[in-house]
């Protein structure tokens, strides 16, 4: 399953790449694309994963990489 989330205050393309790399390391995330230009993040989730629970991990990970960026759920 794929879902796209809006990002607020993503500062640069380098930050977007760091976020993408960090999110891809989370168990249950099958794919990720973070776009600085679009200010969006598209995630592909592994089958059978609890998306709400996983998104909490994703948001925590993003906060560590880019504290000013907010994911609109």
PDB file of N, CA and C in Angstrom:
ATOM      1  N   UNK A   1       0.843  -1.165   0.000  1.00  0.00           N
ATOM      2  CA  UNK A   1       0.000   0.000   0.000  1.00  0.00           C
ATOM      3  C   UNK A   1       0.897   1.240   0.000  1.00  0.00           C
ATOM      4  N   UNK A   2       0.501   2.233  -0.788  1.00  0.00           N
ATOM      5  CA  UNK A   2       1.226   3.504  -0.850  1.00  0.00           C
ATOM      6  C   UNK A   2       0.352   4.625  -0.313  1.00  0.00           C
ATOM      7  N   UNK A   3       0.995   5.555   0.401  1.00  0.00           N
ATOM      8  CA  UNK A   3       0.315   6.755   0.887  1.00  0.00           C
ATOM      9  C   UNK A   3       1.253   7.933   0.714  1.00  0.00           C
ATOM     10  N   UNK A   4       0.663   9.093   0.425  1.00  0.00           N
ATOM     11  CA  UNK A   4       1.440  10.319   0.274  1.00  0.00           C
ATOM     12  C   UNK A   4       1.058  11.289   1.376  1.00  0.00           C
ATOM     13  N   UNK A   5       2.077  11.898   1.974  1.00  0.00           N
ATOM     14  CA  UNK A   5       1.890  12.835   3.078  1.00  0.00           C
ATOM     15  C   UNK A   5       2.501  14.183   2.715  1.00  0.00           C
ATOM     16  N   UNK A   6       1.842  15.242   3.123  1.00  0.00           N
ATOM     17  CA  UNK A   6       2.354  16.589   2.904  1.00  0.00           C
ATOM     18  C   UNK A   6       3.378  16.914   3.993  1.00  0.00           C
ATOM     19  N   UNK A   7       4.430  17.621   3.607  1.00  0.00           N
ATOM     20  CA  UNK A   7       5.467  18.040   4.540  1.00  0.00           C
ATOM     21  C   UNK A   7       5.437  19.564   4.672  1.00  0.00           C
ATOM     22  N   UNK A   8       5.671  20.048   5.868  1.00  0.00           N
ATOM     23  CA  UNK A   8       5.708  21.483   6.116  1.00  0.00           C
ATOM     24  C   UNK A   8       7.107  21.833   6.624  1.00  0.00           C
ATOM     25  N   UNK A   9       7.699  22.862   6.045  1.00  0.00           N
ATOM     26  CA  UNK A   9       9.015  23.380   6.445  1.00  0.00           C
ATOM     27  C   UNK A   9      10.168  22.423   6.163  1.00  0.00           C
ATOM     28  N   UNK A  10      10.104  21.716   5.044  1.00  0.00           N
ATOM     29  CA  UNK A  10      11.248  20.944   4.577  1.00  0.00           C
ATOM     30  C   UNK A  10      12.190  21.941   3.917  1.00  0.00           C
ATOM     31  N   UNK A  11      13.403  22.082   4.461  1.00  0.00           N
ATOM     32  CA  UNK A  11      14.283  23.190   4.102  1.00  0.00           C
ATOM     33  C   UNK A  11      15.089  23.025   2.817  1.00  0.00           C
ATOM     34  N   UNK A  12      15.529  21.802   2.508  1.00  0.00           N
ATOM     35  CA  UNK A  12      16.393  21.664   1.334  1.00  0.00           C
ATOM     36  C   UNK A  12      16.374  20.236   0.801  1.00  0.00           C
ATOM     37  N   UNK A  13      16.924  20.073  -0.391  1.00  0.00           N
ATOM     38  CA  UNK A  13      16.959  18.760  -1.037  1.00  0.00           C
ATOM     39  C   UNK A  13      17.857  17.784  -0.286  1.00  0.00           C
ATOM     40  N   UNK A  14      18.916  18.286   0.315  1.00  0.00           N
ATOM     41  CA  UNK A  14      19.819  17.424   1.088  1.00  0.00           C
ATOM     42  C   UNK A  14      19.077  16.861   2.308  1.00  0.00           C
ATOM     43  N   UNK A  15      18.303  17.714   2.961  1.00  0.00           N
ATOM     44  CA  UNK A  15      17.505  17.256   4.108  1.00  0.00           C
ATOM     45  C   UNK A  15      16.487  16.207   3.669  1.00  0.00           C
ATOM     46  N   UNK A  16      15.875  16.425   2.516  1.00  0.00           N
ATOM     47  CA  UNK A  16      14.905  15.462   1.985  1.00  0.00           C
ATOM     48  C   UNK A  16      15.569  14.108   1.764  1.00  0.00           C
ATOM     49  N   UNK A  17      16.780  14.107   1.224  1.00  0.00           N
ATOM     50  CA  UNK A  17      17.490  12.850   0.982  1.00  0.00           C
ATOM     51  C   UNK A  17      17.844  12.160   2.293  1.00  0.00           C
ATOM     52  N   UNK A  18      18.279  12.935   3.294  1.00  0.00           N
ATOM     53  CA  UNK A  18      18.594  12.357   4.608  1.00  0.00           C
ATOM     54  C   UNK A  18      17.349  11.735   5.241  1.00  0.00           C
ATOM     55  N   UNK A  19      16.220  12.429   5.109  1.00  0.00           N
ATOM     56  CA  UNK A  19      14.968  11.904   5.642  1.00  0.00           C
ATOM     57  C   UNK A  19      14.596  10.609   4.942  1.00  0.00           C
ATOM     58  N   UNK A  20      14.691  10.603   3.628  1.00  0.00           N
ATOM     59  CA  UNK A  20      14.353   9.419   2.845  1.00  0.00           C
ATOM     60  C   UNK A  20      15.221   8.238   3.255  1.00  0.00           C
ATOM     61  N   UNK A  21      16.526   8.460   3.366  1.00  0.00           N
ATOM     62  CA  UNK A  21      17.443   7.387   3.754  1.00  0.00           C
ATOM     63  C   UNK A  21      17.109   6.837   5.137  1.00  0.00           C
ATOM     64  N   UNK A  22      16.782   7.715   6.076  1.00  0.00           N
ATOM     65  CA  UNK A  22      16.464   7.293   7.439  1.00  0.00           C
ATOM     66  C   UNK A  22      15.158   6.501   7.481  1.00  0.00           C
ATOM     67  N   UNK A  23      14.157   6.965   6.758  1.00  0.00           N
ATOM     68  CA  UNK A  23      12.844   6.300   6.753  1.00  0.00           C
ATOM     69  C   UNK A  23      12.936   4.915   6.113  1.00  0.00           C
ATOM     70  N   UNK A  24      13.767   4.776   5.100  1.00  0.00           N
ATOM     71  CA  UNK A  24      13.916   3.476   4.437  1.00  0.00           C
ATOM     72  C   UNK A  24      14.499   2.409   5.358  1.00  0.00           C
ATOM     73  N   UNK A  25      15.155   2.809   6.432  1.00  0.00           N
ATOM     74  CA  UNK A  25      15.750   1.854   7.382  1.00  0.00           C
ATOM     75  C   UNK A  25      14.736   1.309   8.385  1.00  0.00           C
ATOM     76  N   UNK A  26      13.541   1.877   8.415  1.00  0.00           N
ATOM     77  CA  UNK A  26      12.522   1.455   9.377  1.00  0.00           C
ATOM     78  C   UNK A  26      11.851   0.173   8.889  1.00  0.00           C
ATOM     79  N   UNK A  27      11.785  -0.828   9.770  1.00  0.00           N
ATOM     80  CA  UNK A  27      11.100  -2.073   9.430  1.00  0.00           C
ATOM     81  C   UNK A  27       9.636  -1.788   9.132  1.00  0.00           C
ATOM     82  N   UNK A  28       9.150  -2.317   8.016  1.00  0.00           N
ATOM     83  CA  UNK A  28       7.767  -2.118   7.622  1.00  0.00           C
ATOM     84  C   UNK A  28       7.617  -1.117   6.491  1.00  0.00           C
ATOM     85  N   UNK A  29       8.665  -0.324   6.255  1.00  0.00           N
ATOM     86  CA  UNK A  29       8.655   0.616   5.130  1.00  0.00           C
ATOM     87  C   UNK A  29       9.307  -0.088   3.946  1.00  0.00           C
ATOM     88  N   UNK A  30       8.511  -0.333   2.909  1.00  0.00           N
ATOM     89  CA  UNK A  30       9.004  -1.041   1.730  1.00  0.00           C
ATOM     90  C   UNK A  30       9.610  -0.084   0.706  1.00  0.00           C
ATOM     91  N   UNK A  31       9.206   1.178   0.765  1.00  0.00           N
ATOM     92  CA  UNK A  31       9.733   2.170  -0.159  1.00  0.00           C
ATOM     93  C   UNK A  31       9.411   3.564   0.339  1.00  0.00           C
ATOM     94  N   UNK A  32      10.267   4.516  -0.050  1.00  0.00           N
ATOM     95  CA  UNK A  32      10.042   5.904   0.374  1.00  0.00           C
ATOM     96  C   UNK A  32      10.606   6.857  -0.665  1.00  0.00           C
ATOM     97  N   UNK A  33       9.882   7.935  -0.886  1.00  0.00           N
ATOM     98  CA  UNK A  33      10.362   9.009  -1.743  1.00  0.00           C
ATOM     99  C   UNK A  33       9.985  10.328  -1.073  1.00  0.00           C
ATOM    100  N   UNK A  34      10.992  11.146  -0.792  1.00  0.00           N
ATOM    101  CA  UNK A  34      10.766  12.452  -0.188  1.00  0.00           C
ATOM    102  C   UNK A  34      11.152  13.506  -1.217  1.00  0.00           C
ATOM    103  N   UNK A  35      10.209  14.365  -1.562  1.00  0.00           N
ATOM    104  CA  UNK A  35      10.434  15.387  -2.579  1.00  0.00           C
ATOM    105  C   UNK A  35      10.469  16.782  -1.959  1.00  0.00           C
ATOM    106  N   UNK A  36      11.627  17.425  -2.060  1.00  0.00           N
ATOM    107  CA  UNK A  36      11.753  18.800  -1.574  1.00  0.00           C
ATOM    108  C   UNK A  36      10.910  19.745  -2.429  1.00  0.00           C
ATOM    109  N   UNK A  37      10.925  19.545  -3.728  1.00  0.00           N
ATOM    110  CA  UNK A  37      10.193  20.418  -4.654  1.00  0.00           C
ATOM    111  C   UNK A  37       8.686  20.362  -4.371  1.00  0.00           C
ATOM    112  N   UNK A  38       8.154  19.165  -4.206  1.00  0.00           N
ATOM    113  CA  UNK A  38       6.712  18.992  -3.989  1.00  0.00           C
ATOM    114  C   UNK A  38       6.313  19.139  -2.525  1.00  0.00           C
ATOM    115  N   UNK A  39       7.308  19.088  -1.625  1.00  0.00           N
ATOM    116  CA  UNK A  39       7.046  19.109  -0.186  1.00  0.00           C
ATOM    117  C   UNK A  39       6.112  17.954   0.193  1.00  0.00           C
ATOM    118  N   UNK A  40       6.435  16.769  -0.348  1.00  0.00           N
ATOM    119  CA  UNK A  40       5.627  15.575  -0.089  1.00  0.00           C
ATOM    120  C   UNK A  40       6.526  14.363   0.151  1.00  0.00           C
ATOM    121  N   UNK A  41       5.967  13.400   0.868  1.00  0.00           N
ATOM    122  CA  UNK A  41       6.643  12.138   1.115  1.00  0.00           C
ATOM    123  C   UNK A  41       5.678  11.012   0.738  1.00  0.00           C
ATOM    124  N   UNK A  42       6.126  10.124  -0.108  1.00  0.00           N
ATOM    125  CA  UNK A  42       5.328   8.964  -0.487  1.00  0.00           C
ATOM    126  C   UNK A  42       5.977   7.733   0.121  1.00  0.00           C
ATOM    127  N   UNK A  43       5.190   6.994   0.870  1.00  0.00           N
ATOM    128  CA  UNK A  43       5.673   5.777   1.523  1.00  0.00           C
ATOM    129  C   UNK A  43       4.929   4.571   0.992  1.00  0.00           C
ATOM    130  N   UNK A  44       5.665   3.485   0.828  1.00  0.00           N
ATOM    131  CA  UNK A  44       5.070   2.196   0.497  1.00  0.00           C
ATOM    132  C   UNK A  44       5.276   1.300   1.708  1.00  0.00           C
ATOM    133  N   UNK A  45       4.175   0.753   2.203  1.00  0.00           N
ATOM    134  CA  UNK A  45       4.209  -0.055   3.412  1.00  0.00           C
ATOM    135  C   UNK A  45       4.221  -1.538   3.077  1.00  0.00           C
ATOM    136  N   UNK A  46       4.919  -2.318   3.892  1.00  0.00           N
ATOM    137  CA  UNK A  46       4.932  -3.767   3.741  1.00  0.00           C
ATOM    138  C   UNK A  46       3.535  -4.307   4.070  1.00  0.00           C
ATOM    139  N   UNK A  47       3.212  -5.454   3.504  1.00  0.00           N
ATOM    140  CA  UNK A  47       1.916  -6.080   3.747  1.00  0.00           C
ATOM    141  C   UNK A  47       1.739  -6.410   5.230  1.00  0.00           C
ATOM    142  N   UNK A  48       0.533  -6.149   5.732  1.00  0.00           N
ATOM    143  CA  UNK A  48       0.177  -6.524   7.090  1.00  0.00           C
ATOM    144  C   UNK A  48       0.691  -5.598   8.180  1.00  0.00           C
ATOM    145  N   UNK A  49       1.283  -4.476   7.800  1.00  0.00           N
ATOM    146  CA  UNK A  49       1.830  -3.569   8.805  1.00  0.00           C
ATOM    147  C   UNK A  49       0.728  -2.635   9.337  1.00  0.00           C
ATOM    148  N   UNK A  50       0.842  -2.256  10.598  1.00  0.00           N
ATOM    149  CA  UNK A  50      -0.079  -1.294  11.211  1.00  0.00           C
ATOM    150  C   UNK A  50       0.421   0.101  10.821  1.00  0.00           C
ATOM    151  N   UNK A  51      -0.247   0.728   9.873  1.00  0.00           N
ATOM    152  CA  UNK A  51       0.214   2.003   9.306  1.00  0.00           C
ATOM    153  C   UNK A  51       0.269   3.097  10.363  1.00  0.00           C
ATOM    154  N   UNK A  52      -0.727   3.193  11.224  1.00  0.00           N
ATOM    155  CA  UNK A  52      -0.745   4.238  12.252  1.00  0.00           C
ATOM    156  C   UNK A  52       0.450   4.099  13.196  1.00  0.00           C
ATOM    157  N   UNK A  53       0.723   2.883  13.620  1.00  0.00           N
ATOM    158  CA  UNK A  53       1.844   2.627  14.522  1.00  0.00           C
ATOM    159  C   UNK A  53       3.170   2.933  13.820  1.00  0.00           C
ATOM    160  N   UNK A  54       3.272   2.529  12.570  1.00  0.00           N
ATOM    161  CA  UNK A  54       4.494   2.759  11.809  1.00  0.00           C
ATOM    162  C   UNK A  54       4.724   4.241  11.560  1.00  0.00           C
ATOM    163  N   UNK A  55       3.654   4.987  11.328  1.00  0.00           N
ATOM    164  CA  UNK A  55       3.798   6.419  11.073  1.00  0.00           C
ATOM    165  C   UNK A  55       4.317   7.163  12.304  1.00  0.00           C
ATOM    166  N   UNK A  56       4.042   6.655  13.486  1.00  0.00           N
ATOM    167  CA  UNK A  56       4.611   7.262  14.694  1.00  0.00           C
ATOM    168  C   UNK A  56       6.130   7.138  14.673  1.00  0.00           C
ATOM    169  N   UNK A  57       6.626   5.970  14.248  1.00  0.00           N
ATOM    170  CA  UNK A  57       8.074   5.761  14.128  1.00  0.00           C
ATOM    171  C   UNK A  57       8.654   6.651  13.043  1.00  0.00           C
ATOM    172  N   UNK A  58       7.937   6.757  11.930  1.00  0.00           N
ATOM    173  CA  UNK A  58       8.399   7.594  10.822  1.00  0.00           C
ATOM    174  C   UNK A  58       8.509   9.047  11.283  1.00  0.00           C
ATOM    175  N   UNK A  59       7.508   9.542  11.971  1.00  0.00           N
ATOM    176  CA  UNK A  59       7.517  10.938  12.434  1.00  0.00           C
ATOM    177  C   UNK A  59       8.645  11.186  13.433  1.00  0.00           C
ATOM    178  N   UNK A  60       8.905  10.237  14.322  1.00  0.00           N
ATOM    179  CA  UNK A  60      10.004  10.373  15.274  1.00  0.00           C
ATOM    180  C   UNK A  60      11.344  10.401  14.542  1.00  0.00           C
ATOM    181  N   UNK A  61      11.479   9.548  13.549  1.00  0.00           N
ATOM    182  CA  UNK A  61      12.717   9.490  12.766  1.00  0.00           C
ATOM    183  C   UNK A  61      12.944  10.797  12.024  1.00  0.00           C
ATOM    184  N   UNK A  62      11.901  11.309  11.414  1.00  0.00           N
ATOM    185  CA  UNK A  62      12.002  12.575  10.685  1.00  0.00           C
ATOM    186  C   UNK A  62      12.357  13.711  11.630  1.00  0.00           C
ATOM    187  N   UNK A  63      11.784  13.721  12.833  1.00  0.00           N
ATOM    188  CA  UNK A  63      12.071  14.771  13.809  1.00  0.00           C
ATOM    189  C   UNK A  63      13.542  14.770  14.219  1.00  0.00           C
ATOM    190  N   UNK A  64      14.165  13.596  14.234  1.00  0.00           N
ATOM    191  CA  UNK A  64      15.585  13.513  14.571  1.00  0.00           C
ATOM    192  C   UNK A  64      16.449  14.072  13.444  1.00  0.00           C
ATOM    193  N   UNK A  65      16.051  13.813  12.209  1.00  0.00           N
ATOM    194  CA  UNK A  65      16.828  14.244  11.041  1.00  0.00           C
ATOM    195  C   UNK A  65      16.606  15.718  10.744  1.00  0.00           C
ATOM    196  N   UNK A  66      15.350  16.139  10.783  1.00  0.00           N
ATOM    197  CA  UNK A  66      14.975  17.509  10.418  1.00  0.00           C
ATOM    198  C   UNK A  66      13.913  17.987  11.418  1.00  0.00           C
ATOM    199  N   UNK A  67      14.345  18.520  12.564  1.00  0.00           N
ATOM    200  CA  UNK A  67      13.408  18.884  13.644  1.00  0.00           C
ATOM    201  C   UNK A  67      12.328  19.902  13.241  1.00  0.00           C
ATOM    202  N   UNK A  68      12.612  20.757  12.270  1.00  0.00           N
ATOM    203  CA  UNK A  68      11.638  21.784  11.886  1.00  0.00           C
ATOM    204  C   UNK A  68      10.571  21.264  10.936  1.00  0.00           C
ATOM    205  N   UNK A  69      10.770  20.111  10.355  1.00  0.00           N
ATOM    206  CA  UNK A  69       9.830  19.570   9.363  1.00  0.00           C
ATOM    207  C   UNK A  69       8.690  18.840  10.061  1.00  0.00           C
ATOM    208  N   UNK A  70       7.478  19.059   9.562  1.00  0.00           N
ATOM    209  CA  UNK A  70       6.286  18.428  10.130  1.00  0.00           C
ATOM    210  C   UNK A  70       5.593  17.610   9.047  1.00  0.00           C
ATOM    211  N   UNK A  71       5.167  16.410   9.416  1.00  0.00           N
ATOM    212  CA  UNK A  71       4.426  15.535   8.512  1.00  0.00           C
ATOM    213  C   UNK A  71       2.941  15.742   8.799  1.00  0.00           C
ATOM    214  N   UNK A  72       2.166  16.067   7.777  1.00  0.00           N
ATOM    215  CA  UNK A  72       0.721  16.226   7.935  1.00  0.00           C
ATOM    216  C   UNK A  72       0.075  14.853   7.724  1.00  0.00           C
ATOM    217  N   UNK A  73      -0.473  14.302   8.791  1.00  0.00           N
ATOM    218  CA  UNK A  73      -1.070  12.960   8.723  1.00  0.00           C
ATOM    219  C   UNK A  73      -2.518  13.021   8.314  1.00  0.00           C
TER     220      UNK A  73
END
